[in-house]
Amino acid sequence: MAQYLVLIYNDEAAMDEAREEDSRAVTVAHQRFAAEHRAALRGGNALERSSTATSVRPDGAGGFTVTDAPFAETKEGLGGYYLIEAADLDEAVAVAKQVPTIGGGVEVRPVRVVG
């Protein structure tokens, strides 16, 4: 079995405009997703909004530049992730298709095995 990181991107403007009951419904949908895929889940969590991000980049002179902003500005912000275990990419994508999002989507990335 391989591990895959399912990155959840949400349209933060759509999240701002969502009604409270819609936000609760998405939370309930994530709880249901986690319960249904308990056997495959190895971890996961929601993240604070991208506006809370701090980016750290090497400055090329042996130091670092620290910026109060996400690494890249996009319409959709990284809102959370699940770490799943699946037999192959097709199985991981089948699980990822069931992840709830608000006006966004998910990205599936294999976890690199070193050694």
PDB file of N, CA and C in Angstrom:
ATOM      1  N   MET A   1       0.849  -1.184   0.000  1.00  0.00           N
ATOM      2  CA  MET A   1       0.000   0.000   0.000  1.00  0.00           C
ATOM      3  C   MET A   1       0.891   1.243   0.000  1.00  0.00           C
ATOM      4  N   ALA A   2       0.425   2.252  -0.695  1.00  0.00           N
ATOM      5  CA  ALA A   2       1.134   3.530  -0.767  1.00  0.00           C
ATOM      6  C   ALA A   2       0.348   4.590  -0.016  1.00  0.00           C
ATOM      7  N   GLN A   3       1.038   5.670   0.348  1.00  0.00           N
ATOM      8  CA  GLN A   3       0.354   6.783   0.989  1.00  0.00           C
ATOM      9  C   GLN A   3       0.235   7.946   0.011  1.00  0.00           C
ATOM     10  N   TYR A   4      -0.878   8.656   0.142  1.00  0.00           N
ATOM     11  CA  TYR A   4      -1.174   9.803  -0.702  1.00  0.00           C
ATOM     12  C   TYR A   4      -1.660  10.948   0.176  1.00  0.00           C
ATOM     13  N   LEU A   5      -1.230  12.156  -0.163  1.00  0.00           N
ATOM     14  CA  LEU A   5      -1.732  13.337   0.522  1.00  0.00           C
ATOM     15  C   LEU A   5      -2.808  13.945  -0.353  1.00  0.00           C
ATOM     16  N   VAL A   6      -3.981  14.102   0.211  1.00  0.00           N
ATOM     17  CA  VAL A   6      -5.097  14.729  -0.488  1.00  0.00           C
ATOM     18  C   VAL A   6      -5.193  16.159   0.041  1.00  0.00           C
ATOM     19  N   LEU A   7      -4.805  17.113  -0.792  1.00  0.00           N
ATOM     20  CA  LEU A   7      -4.815  18.527  -0.412  1.00  0.00           C
ATOM     21  C   LEU A   7      -6.158  19.125  -0.807  1.00  0.00           C
ATOM     22  N   ILE A   8      -6.797  19.776   0.142  1.00  0.00           N
ATOM     23  CA  ILE A   8      -8.144  20.303  -0.068  1.00  0.00           C
ATOM     24  C   ILE A   8      -8.066  21.808  -0.287  1.00  0.00           C
ATOM     25  N   TYR A   9      -8.506  22.258  -1.446  1.00  0.00           N
ATOM     26  CA  TYR A   9      -8.513  23.685  -1.765  1.00  0.00           C
ATOM     27  C   TYR A   9      -9.951  24.180  -1.777  1.00  0.00           C
ATOM     28  N   ASN A  10     -10.166  25.311  -1.107  1.00  0.00           N
ATOM     29  CA  ASN A  10     -11.486  25.923  -1.068  1.00  0.00           C
ATOM     30  C   ASN A  10     -11.398  27.350  -1.595  1.00  0.00           C
ATOM     31  N   ASP A  11     -12.471  27.802  -2.203  1.00  0.00           N
ATOM     32  CA  ASP A  11     -12.586  29.197  -2.618  1.00  0.00           C
ATOM     33  C   ASP A  11     -12.909  29.991  -1.356  1.00  0.00           C
ATOM     34  N   GLU A  12     -11.938  30.736  -0.847  1.00  0.00           N
ATOM     35  CA  GLU A  12     -12.127  31.426   0.425  1.00  0.00           C
ATOM     36  C   GLU A  12     -13.210  32.500   0.354  1.00  0.00           C
ATOM     37  N   ALA A  13     -13.401  33.123  -0.816  1.00  0.00           N
ATOM     38  CA  ALA A  13     -14.488  34.099  -0.961  1.00  0.00           C
ATOM     39  C   ALA A  13     -15.836  33.399  -0.836  1.00  0.00           C
ATOM     40  N   ALA A  14     -15.948  32.206  -1.430  1.00  0.00           N
ATOM     41  CA  ALA A  14     -17.193  31.438  -1.315  1.00  0.00           C
ATOM     42  C   ALA A  14     -17.417  31.011   0.128  1.00  0.00           C
ATOM     43  N   MET A  15     -16.345  30.709   0.833  1.00  0.00           N
ATOM     44  CA  MET A  15     -16.472  30.337   2.243  1.00  0.00           C
ATOM     45  C   MET A  15     -16.981  31.528   3.058  1.00  0.00           C
ATOM     46  N   ASP A  16     -16.489  32.718   2.738  1.00  0.00           N
ATOM     47  CA  ASP A  16     -16.940  33.926   3.437  1.00  0.00           C
ATOM     48  C   ASP A  16     -18.426  34.177   3.213  1.00  0.00           C
ATOM     49  N   GLU A  17     -18.897  33.850   2.017  1.00  0.00           N
ATOM     50  CA  GLU A  17     -20.284  34.112   1.652  1.00  0.00           C
ATOM     51  C   GLU A  17     -21.235  32.985   2.058  1.00  0.00           C
ATOM     52  N   ALA A  18     -20.679  31.853   2.454  1.00  0.00           N
ATOM     53  CA  ALA A  18     -21.516  30.702   2.806  1.00  0.00           C
ATOM     54  C   ALA A  18     -22.334  31.004   4.064  1.00  0.00           C
ATOM     55  N   ARG A  19     -23.558  30.524   4.043  1.00  0.00           N
ATOM     56  CA  ARG A  19     -24.397  30.665   5.232  1.00  0.00           C
ATOM     57  C   ARG A  19     -23.883  29.729   6.315  1.00  0.00           C
ATOM     58  N   GLU A  20     -24.192  30.061   7.560  1.00  0.00           N
ATOM     59  CA  GLU A  20     -23.742  29.262   8.700  1.00  0.00           C
ATOM     60  C   GLU A  20     -24.171  27.801   8.567  1.00  0.00           C
ATOM     61  N   GLU A  21     -25.395  27.571   8.124  1.00  0.00           N
ATOM     62  CA  GLU A  21     -25.866  26.185   7.999  1.00  0.00           C
ATOM     63  C   GLU A  21     -25.112  25.439   6.898  1.00  0.00           C
ATOM     64  N   ASP A  22     -24.666  26.171   5.850  1.00  0.00           N
ATOM     65  CA  ASP A  22     -23.879  25.531   4.801  1.00  0.00           C
ATOM     66  C   ASP A  22     -22.495  25.142   5.329  1.00  0.00           C
ATOM     67  N   SER A  23     -21.913  26.026   6.141  1.00  0.00           N
ATOM     68  CA  SER A  23     -20.613  25.729   6.748  1.00  0.00           C
ATOM     69  C   SER A  23     -20.719  24.518   7.673  1.00  0.00           C
ATOM     70  N   ARG A  24     -21.788  24.462   8.453  1.00  0.00           N
ATOM     71  CA  ARG A  24     -21.998  23.306   9.335  1.00  0.00           C
ATOM     72  C   ARG A  24     -22.186  22.041   8.522  1.00  0.00           C
ATOM     73  N   ALA A  25     -22.896  22.153   7.400  1.00  0.00           N
ATOM     74  CA  ALA A  25     -23.134  20.982   6.557  1.00  0.00           C
ATOM     75  C   ALA A  25     -21.823  20.425   6.002  1.00  0.00           C
ATOM     76  N   VAL A  26     -20.894  21.304   5.656  1.00  0.00           N
ATOM     77  CA  VAL A  26     -19.593  20.840   5.155  1.00  0.00           C
ATOM     78  C   VAL A  26     -18.818  20.153   6.276  1.00  0.00           C
ATOM     79  N   THR A  27     -18.888  20.698   7.482  1.00  0.00           N
ATOM     80  CA  THR A  27     -18.221  20.060   8.628  1.00  0.00           C
ATOM     81  C   THR A  27     -18.794  18.669   8.855  1.00  0.00           C
ATOM     82  N   VAL A  28     -20.100  18.548   8.811  1.00  0.00           N
ATOM     83  CA  VAL A  28     -20.752  17.245   8.979  1.00  0.00           C
ATOM     84  C   VAL A  28     -20.340  16.306   7.842  1.00  0.00           C
ATOM     85  N   ALA A  29     -20.239  16.844   6.621  1.00  0.00           N
ATOM     86  CA  ALA A  29     -19.824  16.020   5.483  1.00  0.00           C
ATOM     87  C   ALA A  29     -18.403  15.492   5.681  1.00  0.00           C
ATOM     88  N   HIS A  30     -17.518  16.313   6.248  1.00  0.00           N
ATOM     89  CA  HIS A  30     -16.155  15.838   6.533  1.00  0.00           C
ATOM     90  C   HIS A  30     -16.164  14.767   7.619  1.00  0.00           C
ATOM     91  N   GLN A  31     -16.998  14.931   8.611  1.00  0.00           N
ATOM     92  CA  GLN A  31     -17.102  13.909   9.659  1.00  0.00           C
ATOM     93  C   GLN A  31     -17.597  12.591   9.067  1.00  0.00           C
ATOM     94  N   ARG A  32     -18.574  12.677   8.175  1.00  0.00           N
ATOM     95  CA  ARG A  32     -19.100  11.483   7.515  1.00  0.00           C
ATOM     96  C   ARG A  32     -18.018  10.847   6.624  1.00  0.00           C
ATOM     97  N   PHE A  33     -17.292  11.686   5.867  1.00  0.00           N
ATOM     98  CA  PHE A  33     -16.204  11.194   5.018  1.00  0.00           C
ATOM     99  C   PHE A  33     -15.175  10.441   5.869  1.00  0.00           C
ATOM    100  N   ALA A  34     -14.773  11.040   6.987  1.00  0.00           N
ATOM    101  CA  ALA A  34     -13.776  10.411   7.856  1.00  0.00           C
ATOM    102  C   ALA A  34     -14.277   9.078   8.400  1.00  0.00           C
ATOM    103  N   ALA A  35     -15.545   9.014   8.761  1.00  0.00           N
ATOM    104  CA  ALA A  35     -16.110   7.769   9.280  1.00  0.00           C
ATOM    105  C   ALA A  35     -16.157   6.692   8.198  1.00  0.00           C
ATOM    106  N   GLU A  36     -16.546   7.088   6.984  1.00  0.00           N
ATOM    107  CA  GLU A  36     -16.673   6.126   5.879  1.00  0.00           C
ATOM    108  C   GLU A  36     -15.321   5.615   5.393  1.00  0.00           C
ATOM    109  N   HIS A  37     -14.271   6.420   5.574  1.00  0.00           N
ATOM    110  CA  HIS A  37     -12.954   6.045   5.045  1.00  0.00           C
ATOM    111  C   HIS A  37     -11.926   5.843   6.153  1.00  0.00           C
ATOM    112  N   ARG A  38     -12.407   5.506   7.333  1.00  0.00           N
ATOM    113  CA  ARG A  38     -11.548   5.308   8.499  1.00  0.00           C
ATOM    114  C   ARG A  38     -10.399   4.349   8.194  1.00  0.00           C
ATOM    115  N   ALA A  39     -10.662   3.286   7.462  1.00  0.00           N
ATOM    116  CA  ALA A  39      -9.629   2.278   7.180  1.00  0.00           C
ATOM    117  C   ALA A  39      -8.486   2.840   6.340  1.00  0.00           C
ATOM    118  N   ALA A  40      -8.765   3.820   5.491  1.00  0.00           N
ATOM    119  CA  ALA A  40      -7.735   4.386   4.621  1.00  0.00           C
ATOM    120  C   ALA A  40      -7.041   5.599   5.228  1.00  0.00           C
ATOM    121  N   LEU A  41      -7.691   6.280   6.165  1.00  0.00           N
ATOM    122  CA  LEU A  41      -7.146   7.520   6.708  1.00  0.00           C
ATOM    123  C   LEU A  41      -5.977   7.260   7.647  1.00  0.00           C
ATOM    124  N   ARG A  42      -4.916   8.023   7.461  1.00  0.00           N
ATOM    125  CA  ARG A  42      -3.748   7.960   8.332  1.00  0.00           C
ATOM    126  C   ARG A  42      -3.533   9.287   9.057  1.00  0.00           C
ATOM    127  N   GLY A  43      -4.324  10.290   8.714  1.00  0.00           N
ATOM    128  CA  GLY A  43      -4.228  11.598   9.359  1.00  0.00           C
ATOM    129  C   GLY A  43      -4.985  12.619   8.551  1.00  0.00           C
ATOM    130  N   GLY A  44      -5.065  13.804   9.072  1.00  0.00           N
ATOM    131  CA  GLY A  44      -5.715  14.893   8.367  1.00  0.00           C
ATOM    132  C   GLY A  44      -6.124  15.984   9.329  1.00  0.00           C
ATOM    133  N   ASN A  45      -6.352  17.158   8.776  1.00  0.00           N
ATOM    134  CA  ASN A  45      -6.778  18.275   9.597  1.00  0.00           C
ATOM    135  C   ASN A  45      -7.211  19.434   8.719  1.00  0.00           C
ATOM    136  N   ALA A  46      -7.994  20.315   9.304  1.00  0.00           N
ATOM    137  CA  ALA A  46      -8.346  21.575   8.655  1.00  0.00           C
ATOM    138  C   ALA A  46      -7.248  22.578   8.964  1.00  0.00           C
ATOM    139  N   LEU A  47      -7.056  23.529   8.073  1.00  0.00           N
ATOM    140  CA  LEU A  47      -6.075  24.581   8.271  1.00  0.00           C
ATOM    141  C   LEU A  47      -6.781  25.922   8.407  1.00  0.00           C
ATOM    142  N   GLU A  48      -6.143  26.851   9.092  1.00  0.00           N
ATOM    143  CA  GLU A  48      -6.661  28.212   9.153  1.00  0.00           C
ATOM    144  C   GLU A  48      -6.578  28.831   7.758  1.00  0.00           C
ATOM    145  N   ARG A  49      -7.247  29.941   7.566  1.00  0.00           N
ATOM    146  CA  ARG A  49      -7.288  30.611   6.263  1.00  0.00           C
ATOM    147  C   ARG A  49      -5.885  30.943   5.747  1.00  0.00           C
ATOM    148  N   SER A  50      -5.741  31.061   4.443  1.00  0.00           N
ATOM    149  CA  SER A  50      -4.430  31.345   3.859  1.00  0.00           C
ATOM    150  C   SER A  50      -3.892  32.707   4.307  1.00  0.00           C
ATOM    151  N   SER A  51      -4.755  33.606   4.733  1.00  0.00           N
ATOM    152  CA  SER A  51      -4.294  34.911   5.211  1.00  0.00           C
ATOM    153  C   SER A  51      -3.479  34.798   6.505  1.00  0.00           C
ATOM    154  N   THR A  52      -3.534  33.653   7.169  1.00  0.00           N
ATOM    155  CA  THR A  52      -2.754  33.451   8.399  1.00  0.00           C
ATOM    156  C   THR A  52      -1.395  32.820   8.115  1.00  0.00           C
ATOM    157  N   ALA A  53      -1.107  32.515   6.857  1.00  0.00           N
ATOM    158  CA  ALA A  53       0.128  31.822   6.494  1.00  0.00           C
ATOM    159  C   ALA A  53       1.347  32.721   6.659  1.00  0.00           C
ATOM    160  N   THR A  54       2.462  32.092   6.985  1.00  0.00           N
ATOM    161  CA  THR A  54       3.765  32.748   7.019  1.00  0.00           C
ATOM    162  C   THR A  54       4.684  31.937   6.114  1.00  0.00           C
ATOM    163  N   SER A  55       5.275  32.604   5.131  1.00  0.00           N
ATOM    164  CA  SER A  55       6.168  31.924   4.189  1.00  0.00           C
ATOM    165  C   SER A  55       7.617  32.185   4.570  1.00  0.00           C
ATOM    166  N   VAL A  56       8.424  31.144   4.503  1.00  0.00           N
ATOM    167  CA  VAL A  56       9.847  31.235   4.818  1.00  0.00           C
ATOM    168  C   VAL A  56      10.611  30.781   3.576  1.00  0.00           C
ATOM    169  N   ARG A  57      11.461  31.671   3.053  1.00  0.00           N
ATOM    170  CA  ARG A  57      12.221  31.348   1.843  1.00  0.00           C
ATOM    171  C   ARG A  57      13.694  31.670   2.053  1.00  0.00           C
ATOM    172  N   PRO A  58      14.584  30.808   1.557  1.00  0.00           N
ATOM    173  CA  PRO A  58      16.007  31.151   1.609  1.00  0.00           C
ATOM    174  C   PRO A  58      16.248  32.417   0.781  1.00  0.00           C
ATOM    175  N   ASP A  59      17.124  33.301   1.281  1.00  0.00           N
ATOM    176  CA  ASP A  59      17.363  34.557   0.565  1.00  0.00           C
ATOM    177  C   ASP A  59      18.562  34.494  -0.370  1.00  0.00           C
ATOM    178  N   GLY A  60      19.229  33.343  -0.434  1.00  0.00           N
ATOM    179  CA  GLY A  60      20.378  33.186  -1.325  1.00  0.00           C
ATOM    180  C   GLY A  60      21.691  33.636  -0.714  1.00  0.00           C
ATOM    181  N   ALA A  61      21.636  34.251   0.457  1.00  0.00           N
ATOM    182  CA  ALA A  61      22.851  34.740   1.115  1.00  0.00           C
ATOM    183  C   ALA A  61      23.070  34.034   2.454  1.00  0.00           C
ATOM    184  N   GLY A  62      22.430  32.882   2.640  1.00  0.00           N
ATOM    185  CA  GLY A  62      22.589  32.135   3.877  1.00  0.00           C
ATOM    186  C   GLY A  62      21.539  32.446   4.927  1.00  0.00           C
ATOM    187  N   GLY A  63      20.646  33.372   4.629  1.00  0.00           N
ATOM    188  CA  GLY A  63      19.581  33.730   5.558  1.00  0.00           C
ATOM    189  C   GLY A  63      18.229  33.367   4.991  1.00  0.00           C
ATOM    190  N   PHE A  64      17.210  33.957   5.566  1.00  0.00           N
ATOM    191  CA  PHE A  64      15.846  33.663   5.146  1.00  0.00           C
ATOM    192  C   PHE A  64      15.025  34.942   5.107  1.00  0.00           C
ATOM    193  N   THR A  65      14.040  34.940   4.227  1.00  0.00           N
ATOM    194  CA  THR A  65      13.054  36.001   4.178  1.00  0.00           C
ATOM    195  C   THR A  65      11.754  35.415   4.706  1.00  0.00           C
ATOM    196  N   VAL A  66      11.176  36.081   5.693  1.00  0.00           N
ATOM    197  CA  VAL A  66       9.923  35.632   6.290  1.00  0.00           C
ATOM    198  C   VAL A  66       8.848  36.645   5.907  1.00  0.00           C
ATOM    199  N   THR A  67       7.764  36.143   5.301  1.00  0.00           N
ATOM    200  CA  THR A  67       6.698  36.998   4.807  1.00  0.00           C
ATOM    201  C   THR A  67       5.367  36.560   5.399  1.00  0.00           C
ATOM    202  N   ASP A  68       4.581  37.522   5.858  1.00  0.00           N
ATOM    203  CA  ASP A  68       3.238  37.228   6.363  1.00  0.00           C
ATOM    204  C   ASP A  68       2.282  37.114   5.186  1.00  0.00           C
ATOM    205  N   ALA A  69       2.323  35.973   4.534  1.00  0.00           N
ATOM    206  CA  ALA A  69       1.463  35.721   3.374  1.00  0.00           C
ATOM    207  C   ALA A  69       1.664  34.278   2.934  1.00  0.00           C
ATOM    208  N   PRO A  70       0.691  33.747   2.195  1.00  0.00           N
ATOM    209  CA  PRO A  70       0.885  32.390   1.670  1.00  0.00           C
ATOM    210  C   PRO A  70       2.014  32.368   0.651  1.00  0.00           C
ATOM    211  N   PHE A  71       2.532  31.191   0.384  1.00  0.00           N
ATOM    212  CA  PHE A  71       3.632  31.010  -0.564  1.00  0.00           C
ATOM    213  C   PHE A  71       3.267  31.530  -1.941  1.00  0.00           C
ATOM    214  N   ALA A  72       2.036  31.273  -2.363  1.00  0.00           N
ATOM    215  CA  ALA A  72       1.545  31.750  -3.658  1.00  0.00           C
ATOM    216  C   ALA A  72       0.130  32.290  -3.469  1.00  0.00           C
ATOM    217  N   GLU A  73      -0.175  33.372  -4.151  1.00  0.00           N
ATOM    218  CA  GLU A  73      -1.530  33.912  -4.066  1.00  0.00           C
ATOM    219  C   GLU A  73      -2.385  33.274  -5.150  1.00  0.00           C
ATOM    220  N   THR A  74      -3.501  32.704  -4.726  1.00  0.00           N
ATOM    221  CA  THR A  74      -4.415  32.057  -5.648  1.00  0.00           C
ATOM    222  C   THR A  74      -5.843  32.334  -5.202  1.00  0.00           C
ATOM    223  N   LYS A  75      -6.785  32.067  -6.077  1.00  0.00           N
ATOM    224  CA  LYS A  75      -8.193  32.222  -5.722  1.00  0.00           C
ATOM    225  C   LYS A  75      -8.597  31.198  -4.662  1.00  0.00           C
ATOM    226  N   GLU A  76      -8.063  29.991  -4.799  1.00  0.00           N
ATOM    227  CA  GLU A  76      -8.392  28.911  -3.873  1.00  0.00           C
ATOM    228  C   GLU A  76      -7.241  28.724  -2.895  1.00  0.00           C
ATOM    229  N   GLY A  77      -7.565  28.677  -1.615  1.00  0.00           N
ATOM    230  CA  GLY A  77      -6.547  28.489  -0.590  1.00  0.00           C
ATOM    231  C   GLY A  77      -6.537  27.075  -0.061  1.00  0.00           C
ATOM    232  N   LEU A  78      -5.372  26.630   0.368  1.00  0.00           N
ATOM    233  CA  LEU A  78      -5.248  25.302   0.959  1.00  0.00           C
ATOM    234  C   LEU A  78      -5.983  25.314   2.286  1.00  0.00           C
ATOM    235  N   GLY A  79      -7.045  24.523   2.367  1.00  0.00           N
ATOM    236  CA  GLY A  79      -7.901  24.551   3.538  1.00  0.00           C
ATOM    237  C   GLY A  79      -7.745  23.371   4.470  1.00  0.00           C
ATOM    238  N   GLY A  80      -7.052  22.326   4.015  1.00  0.00           N
ATOM    239  CA  GLY A  80      -6.873  21.154   4.852  1.00  0.00           C
ATOM    240  C   GLY A  80      -6.284  20.018   4.040  1.00  0.00           C
ATOM    241  N   TYR A  81      -6.174  18.884   4.696  1.00  0.00           N
ATOM    242  CA  TYR A  81      -5.580  17.726   4.029  1.00  0.00           C
ATOM    243  C   TYR A  81      -6.023  16.443   4.703  1.00  0.00           C
ATOM    244  N   TYR A  82      -5.922  15.372   3.962  1.00  0.00           N
ATOM    245  CA  TYR A  82      -6.046  14.021   4.497  1.00  0.00           C
ATOM    246  C   TYR A  82      -4.828  13.246   4.021  1.00  0.00           C
ATOM    247  N   LEU A  83      -4.270  12.446   4.883  1.00  0.00           N
ATOM    248  CA  LEU A  83      -3.244  11.488   4.507  1.00  0.00           C
ATOM    249  C   LEU A  83      -3.950  10.146   4.439  1.00  0.00           C
ATOM    250  N   ILE A  84      -3.924   9.535   3.257  1.00  0.00           N
ATOM    251  CA  ILE A  84      -4.634   8.268   3.080  1.00  0.00           C
ATOM    252  C   ILE A  84      -3.668   7.190   2.610  1.00  0.00           C
ATOM    253  N   GLU A  85      -4.086   5.963   2.798  1.00  0.00           N
ATOM    254  CA  GLU A  85      -3.356   4.816   2.289  1.00  0.00           C
ATOM    255  C   GLU A  85      -4.241   4.143   1.250  1.00  0.00           C
ATOM    256  N   ALA A  86      -3.655   3.840   0.094  1.00  0.00           N
ATOM    257  CA  ALA A  86      -4.422   3.223  -0.985  1.00  0.00           C
ATOM    258  C   ALA A  86      -3.525   2.283  -1.777  1.00  0.00           C
ATOM    259  N   ALA A  87      -4.131   1.341  -2.456  1.00  0.00           N
ATOM    260  CA  ALA A  87      -3.375   0.365  -3.241  1.00  0.00           C
ATOM    261  C   ALA A  87      -2.646   1.027  -4.409  1.00  0.00           C
ATOM    262  N   ASP A  88      -3.275   2.061  -5.008  1.00  0.00           N
ATOM    263  CA  ASP A  88      -2.676   2.740  -6.154  1.00  0.00           C
ATOM    264  C   ASP A  88      -3.347   4.106  -6.329  1.00  0.00           C
ATOM    265  N   LEU A  89      -2.886   4.842  -7.327  1.00  0.00           N
ATOM    266  CA  LEU A  89      -3.415   6.182  -7.570  1.00  0.00           C
ATOM    267  C   LEU A  89      -4.900   6.152  -7.896  1.00  0.00           C
ATOM    268  N   ASP A  90      -5.342   5.171  -8.648  1.00  0.00           N
ATOM    269  CA  ASP A  90      -6.767   5.088  -8.990  1.00  0.00           C
ATOM    270  C   ASP A  90      -7.635   4.975  -7.738  1.00  0.00           C
ATOM    271  N   GLU A  91      -7.200   4.155  -6.788  1.00  0.00           N
ATOM    272  CA  GLU A  91      -7.948   4.009  -5.543  1.00  0.00           C
ATOM    273  C   GLU A  91      -7.902   5.313  -4.738  1.00  0.00           C
ATOM    274  N   ALA A  92      -6.745   5.970  -4.722  1.00  0.00           N
ATOM    275  CA  ALA A  92      -6.618   7.245  -4.003  1.00  0.00           C
ATOM    276  C   ALA A  92      -7.532   8.308  -4.613  1.00  0.00           C
ATOM    277  N   VAL A  93      -7.601   8.361  -5.925  1.00  0.00           N
ATOM    278  CA  VAL A  93      -8.470   9.328  -6.602  1.00  0.00           C
ATOM    279  C   VAL A  93      -9.936   9.017  -6.307  1.00  0.00           C
ATOM    280  N   ALA A  94     -10.295   7.749  -6.263  1.00  0.00           N
ATOM    281  CA  ALA A  94     -11.674   7.374  -5.940  1.00  0.00           C
ATOM    282  C   ALA A  94     -12.069   7.885  -4.548  1.00  0.00           C
ATOM    283  N   VAL A  95     -11.145   7.804  -3.603  1.00  0.00           N
ATOM    284  CA  VAL A  95     -11.408   8.338  -2.263  1.00  0.00           C
ATOM    285  C   VAL A  95     -11.470   9.856  -2.318  1.00  0.00           C
ATOM    286  N   ALA A  96     -10.525  10.476  -3.010  1.00  0.00           N
ATOM    287  CA  ALA A  96     -10.441  11.938  -3.079  1.00  0.00           C
ATOM    288  C   ALA A  96     -11.687  12.567  -3.700  1.00  0.00           C
ATOM    289  N   LYS A  97     -12.330  11.869  -4.609  1.00  0.00           N
ATOM    290  CA  LYS A  97     -13.549  12.394  -5.244  1.00  0.00           C
ATOM    291  C   LYS A  97     -14.670  12.599  -4.233  1.00  0.00           C
ATOM    292  N   GLN A  98     -14.562  11.986  -3.078  1.00  0.00           N
ATOM    293  CA  GLN A  98     -15.611  12.072  -2.062  1.00  0.00           C
ATOM    294  C   GLN A  98     -15.324  13.122  -0.989  1.00  0.00           C
ATOM    295  N   VAL A  99     -14.184  13.818  -1.086  1.00  0.00           N
ATOM    296  CA  VAL A  99     -13.822  14.838  -0.095  1.00  0.00           C
ATOM    297  C   VAL A  99     -14.673  16.091  -0.325  1.00  0.00           C
ATOM    298  N   PRO A 100     -15.366  16.575   0.712  1.00  0.00           N
ATOM    299  CA  PRO A 100     -16.183  17.783   0.571  1.00  0.00           C
ATOM    300  C   PRO A 100     -15.307  19.035   0.400  1.00  0.00           C
ATOM    301  N   THR A 101     -15.726  19.937  -0.476  1.00  0.00           N
ATOM    302  CA  THR A 101     -15.047  21.221  -0.645  1.00  0.00           C
ATOM    303  C   THR A 101     -16.088  22.323  -0.806  1.00  0.00           C
ATOM    304  N   ILE A 102     -15.649  23.547  -0.588  1.00  0.00           N
ATOM    305  CA  ILE A 102     -16.514  24.701  -0.832  1.00  0.00           C
ATOM    306  C   ILE A 102     -15.929  25.465  -2.006  1.00  0.00           C
ATOM    307  N   GLY A 103     -16.522  25.292  -3.165  1.00  0.00           N
ATOM    308  CA  GLY A 103     -16.095  26.023  -4.358  1.00  0.00           C
ATOM    309  C   GLY A 103     -14.660  25.764  -4.759  1.00  0.00           C
ATOM    310  N   GLY A 104     -14.148  24.593  -4.488  1.00  0.00           N
ATOM    311  CA  GLY A 104     -12.764  24.296  -4.827  1.00  0.00           C
ATOM    312  C   GLY A 104     -12.612  22.890  -5.349  1.00  0.00           C
ATOM    313  N   GLY A 105     -11.541  22.255  -4.979  1.00  0.00           N
ATOM    314  CA  GLY A 105     -11.269  20.895  -5.420  1.00  0.00           C
ATOM    315  C   GLY A 105     -10.169  20.303  -4.568  1.00  0.00           C
ATOM    316  N   VAL A 106      -9.700  19.147  -4.961  1.00  0.00           N
ATOM    317  CA  VAL A 106      -8.633  18.485  -4.221  1.00  0.00           C
ATOM    318  C   VAL A 106      -7.498  18.125  -5.175  1.00  0.00           C
ATOM    319  N   GLU A 107      -6.332  17.954  -4.603  1.00  0.00           N
ATOM    320  CA  GLU A 107      -5.152  17.513  -5.336  1.00  0.00           C
ATOM    321  C   GLU A 107      -4.633  16.265  -4.636  1.00  0.00           C
ATOM    322  N   VAL A 108      -4.302  15.243  -5.397  1.00  0.00           N
ATOM    323  CA  VAL A 108      -3.792  13.987  -4.841  1.00  0.00           C
ATOM    324  C   VAL A 108      -2.319  13.882  -5.202  1.00  0.00           C
ATOM    325  N   ARG A 109      -1.478  13.718  -4.172  1.00  0.00           N
ATOM    326  CA  ARG A 109      -0.044  13.611  -4.400  1.00  0.00           C
ATOM    327  C   ARG A 109       0.497  12.391  -3.669  1.00  0.00           C
ATOM    328  N   PRO A 110       1.262  11.544  -4.369  1.00  0.00           N
ATOM    329  CA  PRO A 110       1.870  10.405  -3.690  1.00  0.00           C
ATOM    330  C   PRO A 110       2.937  10.895  -2.695  1.00  0.00           C
ATOM    331  N   VAL A 111       3.023  10.219  -1.570  1.00  0.00           N
ATOM    332  CA  VAL A 111       4.065  10.507  -0.590  1.00  0.00           C
ATOM    333  C   VAL A 111       5.328   9.803  -1.074  1.00  0.00           C
ATOM    334  N   ARG A 112       6.410  10.534  -1.150  1.00  0.00           N
ATOM    335  CA  ARG A 112       7.675   9.974  -1.642  1.00  0.00           C
ATOM    336  C   ARG A 112       8.267   9.039  -0.591  1.00  0.00           C
ATOM    337  N   VAL A 113       8.655   7.868  -1.048  1.00  0.00           N
ATOM    338  CA  VAL A 113       9.318   6.892  -0.191  1.00  0.00           C
ATOM    339  C   VAL A 113      10.814   6.981  -0.476  1.00  0.00           C
ATOM    340  N   VAL A 114      11.577   7.306   0.546  1.00  0.00           N
ATOM    341  CA  VAL A 114      13.024   7.454   0.390  1.00  0.00           C
ATOM    342  C   VAL A 114      13.698   6.219   0.964  1.00  0.00           C
ATOM    343  N   GLY A 115      14.638   5.710   0.223  1.00  0.00           N
ATOM    344  CA  GLY A 115      15.416   4.592   0.756  1.00  0.00           C
ATOM    345  C   GLY A 115      15.124   3.370   0.067  1.00  0.00           C
TER     346      GLY A 115
END
